[in-house]
Amino acid sequence: MASRFVISRDAAGAYRFRLVLGNGQTIAVSEAFTSRAACVNGIESVRRTAPEAALDDSEL
């Protein structure tokens, strides 16, 4: 199974998304969004920009 974005609501009622691998492991959790549309926009932003993301390793 491919990885997927899962949208849910937190205890405060805000929308969040998780990036979940095919094996069920969550590898990223978003900030809180006030609307579902804003949450979907956050997902689309990650989809567009992640391939270009640089690695900023503070250990170096």
PDB file of N, CA and C in Angstrom:
ATOM      1  N   MET A   1       0.840  -1.179   0.000  1.00  0.00           N
ATOM      2  CA  MET A   1       0.000   0.000   0.000  1.00  0.00           C
ATOM      3  C   MET A   1       0.890   1.249   0.000  1.00  0.00           C
ATOM      4  N   ALA A   2       0.487   2.242  -0.721  1.00  0.00           N
ATOM      5  CA  ALA A   2       1.243   3.493  -0.817  1.00  0.00           C
ATOM      6  C   ALA A   2       1.028   4.346   0.431  1.00  0.00           C
ATOM      7  N   SER A   3       1.912   5.291   0.629  1.00  0.00           N
ATOM      8  CA  SER A   3       1.722   6.224   1.736  1.00  0.00           C
ATOM      9  C   SER A   3       0.511   7.101   1.444  1.00  0.00           C
ATOM     10  N   ARG A   4      -0.015   7.727   2.507  1.00  0.00           N
ATOM     11  CA  ARG A   4      -1.230   8.524   2.344  1.00  0.00           C
ATOM     12  C   ARG A   4      -1.249   9.658   3.369  1.00  0.00           C
ATOM     13  N   PHE A   5      -2.019  10.680   3.057  1.00  0.00           N
ATOM     14  CA  PHE A   5      -2.293  11.764   3.987  1.00  0.00           C
ATOM     15  C   PHE A   5      -3.632  11.468   4.644  1.00  0.00           C
ATOM     16  N   VAL A   6      -3.693  11.592   5.967  1.00  0.00           N
ATOM     17  CA  VAL A   6      -4.918  11.337   6.713  1.00  0.00           C
ATOM     18  C   VAL A   6      -5.304  12.624   7.431  1.00  0.00           C
ATOM     19  N   ILE A   7      -6.515  13.124   7.176  1.00  0.00           N
ATOM     20  CA  ILE A   7      -7.015  14.332   7.836  1.00  0.00           C
ATOM     21  C   ILE A   7      -7.886  13.911   9.011  1.00  0.00           C
ATOM     22  N   SER A   8      -7.680  14.583  10.148  1.00  0.00           N
ATOM     23  CA  SER A   8      -8.499  14.312  11.329  1.00  0.00           C
ATOM     24  C   SER A   8      -8.660  15.612  12.110  1.00  0.00           C
ATOM     25  N   ARG A   9      -9.484  15.552  13.135  1.00  0.00           N
ATOM     26  CA  ARG A   9      -9.673  16.704  14.015  1.00  0.00           C
ATOM     27  C   ARG A   9      -9.072  16.376  15.365  1.00  0.00           C
ATOM     28  N   ASP A  10      -8.415  17.371  15.964  1.00  0.00           N
ATOM     29  CA  ASP A  10      -7.809  17.145  17.277  1.00  0.00           C
ATOM     30  C   ASP A  10      -8.816  17.472  18.390  1.00  0.00           C
ATOM     31  N   ALA A  11      -8.381  17.362  19.638  1.00  0.00           N
ATOM     32  CA  ALA A  11      -9.273  17.570  20.783  1.00  0.00           C
ATOM     33  C   ALA A  11      -9.860  18.980  20.818  1.00  0.00           C
ATOM     34  N   ALA A  12      -9.147  19.940  20.257  1.00  0.00           N
ATOM     35  CA  ALA A  12      -9.625  21.328  20.230  1.00  0.00           C
ATOM     36  C   ALA A  12     -10.528  21.609  19.024  1.00  0.00           C
ATOM     37  N   GLY A  13     -10.716  20.615  18.152  1.00  0.00           N
ATOM     38  CA  GLY A  13     -11.567  20.782  16.989  1.00  0.00           C
ATOM     39  C   GLY A  13     -10.850  21.274  15.745  1.00  0.00           C
ATOM     40  N   ALA A  14      -9.538  21.467  15.835  1.00  0.00           N
ATOM     41  CA  ALA A  14      -8.760  21.912  14.679  1.00  0.00           C
ATOM     42  C   ALA A  14      -8.455  20.723  13.773  1.00  0.00           C
ATOM     43  N   TYR A  15      -8.212  21.028  12.515  1.00  0.00           N
ATOM     44  CA  TYR A  15      -7.860  19.998  11.533  1.00  0.00           C
ATOM     45  C   TYR A  15      -6.353  19.810  11.492  1.00  0.00           C
ATOM     46  N   ARG A  16      -5.932  18.585  11.356  1.00  0.00           N
ATOM     47  CA  ARG A  16      -4.513  18.237  11.211  1.00  0.00           C
ATOM     48  C   ARG A  16      -4.413  17.133  10.161  1.00  0.00           C
ATOM     49  N   PHE A  17      -3.227  17.033   9.549  1.00  0.00           N
ATOM     50  CA  PHE A  17      -3.004  15.885   8.685  1.00  0.00           C
ATOM     51  C   PHE A  17      -1.783  15.136   9.154  1.00  0.00           C
ATOM     52  N   ARG A  18      -1.788  13.838   8.886  1.00  0.00           N
ATOM     53  CA  ARG A  18      -0.646  12.976   9.160  1.00  0.00           C
ATOM     54  C   ARG A  18      -0.219  12.357   7.844  1.00  0.00           C
ATOM     55  N   LEU A  19       1.073  12.185   7.664  1.00  0.00           N
ATOM     56  CA  LEU A  19       1.596  11.433   6.528  1.00  0.00           C
ATOM     57  C   LEU A  19       1.901  10.045   7.047  1.00  0.00           C
ATOM     58  N   VAL A  20       1.203   9.052   6.504  1.00  0.00           N
ATOM     59  CA  VAL A  20       1.277   7.681   6.997  1.00  0.00           C
ATOM     60  C   VAL A  20       1.830   6.784   5.897  1.00  0.00           C
ATOM     61  N   LEU A  21       2.853   5.994   6.256  1.00  0.00           N
ATOM     62  CA  LEU A  21       3.438   5.045   5.316  1.00  0.00           C
ATOM     63  C   LEU A  21       2.500   3.862   5.084  1.00  0.00           C
ATOM     64  N   GLY A  22       2.793   3.090   4.073  1.00  0.00           N
ATOM     65  CA  GLY A  22       1.993   1.921   3.743  1.00  0.00           C
ATOM     66  C   GLY A  22       1.897   0.905   4.864  1.00  0.00           C
ATOM     67  N   ASN A  23       2.913   0.884   5.738  1.00  0.00           N
ATOM     68  CA  ASN A  23       2.906  -0.058   6.859  1.00  0.00           C
ATOM     69  C   ASN A  23       2.168   0.484   8.081  1.00  0.00           C
ATOM     70  N   GLY A  24       1.577   1.685   7.954  1.00  0.00           N
ATOM     71  CA  GLY A  24       0.813   2.266   9.053  1.00  0.00           C
ATOM     72  C   GLY A  24       1.595   3.216   9.941  1.00  0.00           C
ATOM     73  N   GLN A  25       2.889   3.351   9.721  1.00  0.00           N
ATOM     74  CA  GLN A  25       3.716   4.222  10.551  1.00  0.00           C
ATOM     75  C   GLN A  25       3.506   5.681  10.161  1.00  0.00           C
ATOM     76  N   THR A  26       3.209   6.528  11.165  1.00  0.00           N
ATOM     77  CA  THR A  26       3.083   7.965  10.937  1.00  0.00           C
ATOM     78  C   THR A  26       4.472   8.578  10.945  1.00  0.00           C
ATOM     79  N   ILE A  27       4.802   9.323   9.872  1.00  0.00           N
ATOM     80  CA  ILE A  27       6.132   9.921   9.795  1.00  0.00           C
ATOM     81  C   ILE A  27       6.105  11.443   9.872  1.00  0.00           C
ATOM     82  N   ALA A  28       4.930  12.052   9.799  1.00  0.00           N
ATOM     83  CA  ALA A  28       4.830  13.506   9.929  1.00  0.00           C
ATOM     84  C   ALA A  28       3.425  13.874  10.389  1.00  0.00           C
ATOM     85  N   VAL A  29       3.348  14.927  11.209  1.00  0.00           N
ATOM     86  CA  VAL A  29       2.074  15.462  11.680  1.00  0.00           C
ATOM     87  C   VAL A  29       2.113  16.966  11.460  1.00  0.00           C
ATOM     88  N   SER A  30       1.028  17.503  10.946  1.00  0.00           N
ATOM     89  CA  SER A  30       0.975  18.925  10.623  1.00  0.00           C
ATOM     90  C   SER A  30       0.683  19.792  11.837  1.00  0.00           C
ATOM     91  N   GLU A  31       0.770  21.083  11.608  1.00  0.00           N
ATOM     92  CA  GLU A  31       0.274  22.068  12.551  1.00  0.00           C
ATOM     93  C   GLU A  31      -1.257  22.002  12.545  1.00  0.00           C
ATOM     94  N   ALA A  32      -1.893  22.744  13.429  1.00  0.00           N
ATOM     95  CA  ALA A  32      -3.348  22.812  13.473  1.00  0.00           C
ATOM     96  C   ALA A  32      -3.857  23.824  12.446  1.00  0.00           C
ATOM     97  N   PHE A  33      -4.939  23.459  11.758  1.00  0.00           N
ATOM     98  CA  PHE A  33      -5.583  24.342  10.789  1.00  0.00           C
ATOM     99  C   PHE A  33      -7.010  24.622  11.252  1.00  0.00           C
ATOM    100  N   THR A  34      -7.502  25.817  10.992  1.00  0.00           N
ATOM    101  CA  THR A  34      -8.846  26.186  11.452  1.00  0.00           C
ATOM    102  C   THR A  34      -9.947  25.662  10.543  1.00  0.00           C
ATOM    103  N   SER A  35      -9.620  25.290   9.314  1.00  0.00           N
ATOM    104  CA  SER A  35     -10.636  24.761   8.399  1.00  0.00           C
ATOM    105  C   SER A  35     -10.082  23.558   7.642  1.00  0.00           C
ATOM    106  N   ARG A  36     -10.994  22.745   7.141  1.00  0.00           N
ATOM    107  CA  ARG A  36     -10.584  21.588   6.351  1.00  0.00           C
ATOM    108  C   ARG A  36      -9.905  22.036   5.066  1.00  0.00           C
ATOM    109  N   ALA A  37     -10.410  23.108   4.451  1.00  0.00           N
ATOM    110  CA  ALA A  37      -9.814  23.621   3.213  1.00  0.00           C
ATOM    111  C   ALA A  37      -8.366  24.055   3.436  1.00  0.00           C
ATOM    112  N   ALA A  38      -8.093  24.698   4.553  1.00  0.00           N
ATOM    113  CA  ALA A  38      -6.720  25.110   4.863  1.00  0.00           C
ATOM    114  C   ALA A  38      -5.835  23.883   5.070  1.00  0.00           C
ATOM    115  N   CYS A  39      -6.374  22.839   5.678  1.00  0.00           N
ATOM    116  CA  CYS A  39      -5.628  21.600   5.884  1.00  0.00           C
ATOM    117  C   CYS A  39      -5.282  20.958   4.546  1.00  0.00           C
ATOM    118  N   VAL A  40      -6.247  20.910   3.628  1.00  0.00           N
ATOM    119  CA  VAL A  40      -6.000  20.356   2.292  1.00  0.00           C
ATOM    120  C   VAL A  40      -4.946  21.196   1.569  1.00  0.00           C
ATOM    121  N   ASN A  41      -5.003  22.518   1.724  1.00  0.00           N
ATOM    122  CA  ASN A  41      -3.979  23.384   1.123  1.00  0.00           C
ATOM    123  C   ASN A  41      -2.600  23.070   1.697  1.00  0.00           C
ATOM    124  N   GLY A  42      -2.528  22.763   2.991  1.00  0.00           N
ATOM    125  CA  GLY A  42      -1.262  22.370   3.609  1.00  0.00           C
ATOM    126  C   GLY A  42      -0.713  21.089   3.005  1.00  0.00           C
ATOM    127  N   ILE A  43      -1.588  20.133   2.762  1.00  0.00           N
ATOM    128  CA  ILE A  43      -1.185  18.880   2.120  1.00  0.00           C
ATOM    129  C   ILE A  43      -0.643  19.156   0.728  1.00  0.00           C
ATOM    130  N   GLU A  44      -1.345  19.972  -0.035  1.00  0.00           N
ATOM    131  CA  GLU A  44      -0.903  20.296  -1.399  1.00  0.00           C
ATOM    132  C   GLU A  44       0.441  21.018  -1.381  1.00  0.00           C
ATOM    133  N   SER A  45       0.665  21.857  -0.395  1.00  0.00           N
ATOM    134  CA  SER A  45       1.941  22.550  -0.265  1.00  0.00           C
ATOM    135  C   SER A  45       3.084  21.560  -0.031  1.00  0.00           C
ATOM    136  N   VAL A  46       2.855  20.586   0.829  1.00  0.00           N
ATOM    137  CA  VAL A  46       3.869  19.555   1.080  1.00  0.00           C
ATOM    138  C   VAL A  46       4.128  18.760  -0.193  1.00  0.00           C
ATOM    139  N   ARG A  47       3.078  18.398  -0.893  1.00  0.00           N
ATOM    140  CA  ARG A  47       3.241  17.636  -2.138  1.00  0.00           C
ATOM    141  C   ARG A  47       4.083  18.398  -3.163  1.00  0.00           C
ATOM    142  N   ARG A  48       3.861  19.707  -3.265  1.00  0.00           N
ATOM    143  CA  ARG A  48       4.595  20.518  -4.246  1.00  0.00           C
ATOM    144  C   ARG A  48       6.044  20.763  -3.854  1.00  0.00           C
ATOM    145  N   THR A  49       6.307  21.021  -2.586  1.00  0.00           N
ATOM    146  CA  THR A  49       7.626  21.493  -2.173  1.00  0.00           C
ATOM    147  C   THR A  49       8.556  20.432  -1.616  1.00  0.00           C
ATOM    148  N   ALA A  50       8.055  19.309  -1.155  1.00  0.00           N
ATOM    149  CA  ALA A  50       8.912  18.307  -0.519  1.00  0.00           C
ATOM    150  C   ALA A  50      10.020  17.774  -1.418  1.00  0.00           C
ATOM    151  N   PRO A  51       9.785  17.543  -2.712  1.00  0.00           N
ATOM    152  CA  PRO A  51      10.881  17.040  -3.544  1.00  0.00           C
ATOM    153  C   PRO A  51      12.074  18.004  -3.625  1.00  0.00           C
ATOM    154  N   GLU A  52      11.814  19.293  -3.369  1.00  0.00           N
ATOM    155  CA  GLU A  52      12.872  20.294  -3.447  1.00  0.00           C
ATOM    156  C   GLU A  52      13.445  20.663  -2.083  1.00  0.00           C
ATOM    157  N   ALA A  53      12.929  20.075  -1.022  1.00  0.00           N
ATOM    158  CA  ALA A  53      13.341  20.445   0.329  1.00  0.00           C
ATOM    159  C   ALA A  53      14.796  20.072   0.586  1.00  0.00           C
ATOM    160  N   ALA A  54      15.512  21.016   1.161  1.00  0.00           N
ATOM    161  CA  ALA A  54      16.912  20.781   1.534  1.00  0.00           C
ATOM    162  C   ALA A  54      16.974  20.147   2.920  1.00  0.00           C
ATOM    163  N   LEU A  55      18.066  19.499   3.209  1.00  0.00           N
ATOM    164  CA  LEU A  55      18.303  18.933   4.533  1.00  0.00           C
ATOM    165  C   LEU A  55      19.095  19.936   5.350  1.00  0.00           C
ATOM    166  N   ASP A  56      18.553  20.347   6.476  1.00  0.00           N
ATOM    167  CA  ASP A  56      19.232  21.269   7.383  1.00  0.00           C
ATOM    168  C   ASP A  56      19.539  20.491   8.650  1.00  0.00           C
ATOM    169  N   ASP A  57      20.750  19.944   8.745  1.00  0.00           N
ATOM    170  CA  ASP A  57      21.120  19.079   9.854  1.00  0.00           C
ATOM    171  C   ASP A  57      21.888  19.894  10.902  1.00  0.00           C
ATOM    172  N   SER A  58      21.263  20.137  12.038  1.00  0.00           N
ATOM    173  CA  SER A  58      21.896  20.932  13.079  1.00  0.00           C
ATOM    174  C   SER A  58      23.039  20.181  13.768  1.00  0.00           C
ATOM    175  N   GLU A  59      23.201  18.901  13.497  1.00  0.00           N
ATOM    176  CA  GLU A  59      24.270  18.105  14.074  1.00  0.00           C
ATOM    177  C   GLU A  59      25.611  18.338  13.364  1.00  0.00           C
ATOM    178  N   LEU A  60      25.582  18.936  12.190  1.00  0.00           N
ATOM    179  CA  LEU A  60      26.821  19.132  11.442  1.00  0.00           C
ATOM    180  C   LEU A  60      27.600  20.325  11.913  1.00  0.00           C
TER     181      LEU A  60
END
